[in-house]
Amino acid sequence: MTSFVRALYSFIFGIGYFSLFLVATFVGQRDEVLGQTIVIIALALGTALVVCTQVLSLRRRRAARVQR
C-alpha cells in the first residue's frame, strides 16, 4: 500500500509541475520575465520539497533502526 501511495504522490506531483511549466510557457509568451520567474520559483520549491522529503525519510529510517 505504501508504494502505491508514493507512486500516486509522485504522479500528482509531476502533473502539478507540468501544469506549472505550461502556465509559465503561456505567460512567458506575453511577459518573458514573469514566465521565467514562475519557472525559477517552481524549481526552487520543488528542490526544497525533495530535500525536506529526503531529510524526513532519513529521520524515519534512523528511528526505525533505533527501535530494533
C-alpha atoms as a PDB file:
ATOM      1  CA  MET A   1       0.000   0.000   0.000  1.00  0.00           C
ATOM      2  CA  THR A   2       2.823   2.403   0.806  1.00  0.00           C
ATOM      3  CA  SER A   3       4.396   2.019  -2.628  1.00  0.00           C
ATOM      4  CA  PHE A   4       1.019   2.768  -4.249  1.00  0.00           C
ATOM      5  CA  VAL A   5       0.654   5.954  -2.218  1.00  0.00           C
ATOM      6  CA  ARG A   6       4.196   7.017  -3.090  1.00  0.00           C
ATOM      7  CA  ALA A   7       3.582   6.337  -6.769  1.00  0.00           C
ATOM      8  CA  LEU A   8       0.334   8.292  -6.677  1.00  0.00           C
ATOM      9  CA  TYR A   9       2.055  11.154  -4.854  1.00  0.00           C
ATOM     10  CA  SER A  10       4.844  11.227  -7.437  1.00  0.00           C
ATOM     11  CA  PHE A  11       2.352  11.166 -10.303  1.00  0.00           C
ATOM     12  CA  ILE A  12       0.304  14.047  -8.878  1.00  0.00           C
ATOM     13  CA  PHE A  13       3.496  15.952  -8.076  1.00  0.00           C
ATOM     14  CA  GLY A  14       4.728  15.515 -11.662  1.00  0.00           C
ATOM     15  CA  ILE A  15       1.403  16.555 -13.188  1.00  0.00           C
ATOM     16  CA  GLY A  16       1.361  19.644 -10.979  1.00  0.00           C
ATOM     17  CA  TYR A  17       4.807  20.697 -12.086  1.00  0.00           C
ATOM     18  CA  PHE A  18       3.983  20.017 -15.712  1.00  0.00           C
ATOM     19  CA  SER A  19       0.940  22.287 -15.426  1.00  0.00           C
ATOM     20  CA  LEU A  20       3.068  24.995 -13.773  1.00  0.00           C
ATOM     21  CA  PHE A  21       5.515  24.880 -16.651  1.00  0.00           C
ATOM     22  CA  LEU A  22       2.652  25.093 -19.146  1.00  0.00           C
ATOM     23  CA  VAL A  23       1.314  28.165 -17.357  1.00  0.00           C
ATOM     24  CA  ALA A  24       4.813  29.658 -17.341  1.00  0.00           C
ATOM     25  CA  THR A  25       5.096  28.995 -21.076  1.00  0.00           C
ATOM     26  CA  PHE A  26       1.839  30.742 -21.887  1.00  0.00           C
ATOM     27  CA  VAL A  27       2.573  33.641 -19.542  1.00  0.00           C
ATOM     28  CA  GLY A  28       6.115  33.828 -20.893  1.00  0.00           C
ATOM     29  CA  GLN A  29       4.819  34.460 -24.388  1.00  0.00           C
ATOM     30  CA  ARG A  30       3.376  37.765 -23.185  1.00  0.00           C
ATOM     31  CA  ASP A  31       5.853  38.681 -20.458  1.00  0.00           C
ATOM     32  CA  GLU A  32       9.137  36.783 -20.637  1.00  0.00           C
ATOM     33  CA  VAL A  33      10.398  37.885 -17.225  1.00  0.00           C
ATOM     34  CA  LEU A  34       7.233  36.735 -15.452  1.00  0.00           C
ATOM     35  CA  GLY A  35       7.368  33.348 -17.182  1.00  0.00           C
ATOM     36  CA  GLN A  36      10.990  32.847 -16.155  1.00  0.00           C
ATOM     37  CA  THR A  37      10.162  33.921 -12.605  1.00  0.00           C
ATOM     38  CA  ILE A  38       7.397  31.297 -12.381  1.00  0.00           C
ATOM     39  CA  VAL A  39       9.788  28.585 -13.599  1.00  0.00           C
ATOM     40  CA  ILE A  40      12.532  29.611 -11.153  1.00  0.00           C
ATOM     41  CA  ILE A  41      10.128  29.694  -8.197  1.00  0.00           C
ATOM     42  CA  ALA A  42       8.667  26.308  -9.168  1.00  0.00           C
ATOM     43  CA  LEU A  43      12.130  24.770  -9.412  1.00  0.00           C
ATOM     44  CA  ALA A  44      13.194  26.242  -6.074  1.00  0.00           C
ATOM     45  CA  LEU A  45      10.064  24.978  -4.311  1.00  0.00           C
ATOM     46  CA  GLY A  46      10.400  21.566  -5.938  1.00  0.00           C
ATOM     47  CA  THR A  47      14.012  21.285  -4.854  1.00  0.00           C
ATOM     48  CA  ALA A  48      13.115  22.309  -1.307  1.00  0.00           C
ATOM     49  CA  LEU A  49      10.315  19.746  -1.222  1.00  0.00           C
ATOM     50  CA  VAL A  50      12.598  16.953  -2.403  1.00  0.00           C
ATOM     51  CA  VAL A  51      15.277  17.861   0.149  1.00  0.00           C
ATOM     52  CA  CYS A  52      12.757  18.049   3.009  1.00  0.00           C
ATOM     53  CA  THR A  53      11.226  14.726   1.982  1.00  0.00           C
ATOM     54  CA  GLN A  54      14.647  13.073   1.980  1.00  0.00           C
ATOM     55  CA  VAL A  55      15.545  14.520   5.385  1.00  0.00           C
ATOM     56  CA  LEU A  56      12.283  13.291   6.916  1.00  0.00           C
ATOM     57  CA  SER A  57      12.733   9.880   5.318  1.00  0.00           C
ATOM     58  CA  LEU A  58      16.253   9.633   6.727  1.00  0.00           C
ATOM     59  CA  ARG A  59      14.996  10.522  10.203  1.00  0.00           C
ATOM     60  CA  ARG A  60      12.288   7.843   9.991  1.00  0.00           C
ATOM     61  CA  ARG A  61      14.843   5.231   8.931  1.00  0.00           C
ATOM     62  CA  ARG A  62      17.151   6.149  11.804  1.00  0.00           C
ATOM     63  CA  ALA A  63      14.265   5.998  14.287  1.00  0.00           C
ATOM     64  CA  ALA A  64      13.267   2.574  12.965  1.00  0.00           C
ATOM     65  CA  ARG A  65      16.853   1.312  13.396  1.00  0.00           C
ATOM     66  CA  VAL A  66      16.959   2.561  16.988  1.00  0.00           C
ATOM     67  CA  GLN A  67      13.704   0.772  17.826  1.00  0.00           C
ATOM     68  CA  ARG A  68      15.107  -2.530  16.574  1.00  0.00           C
END
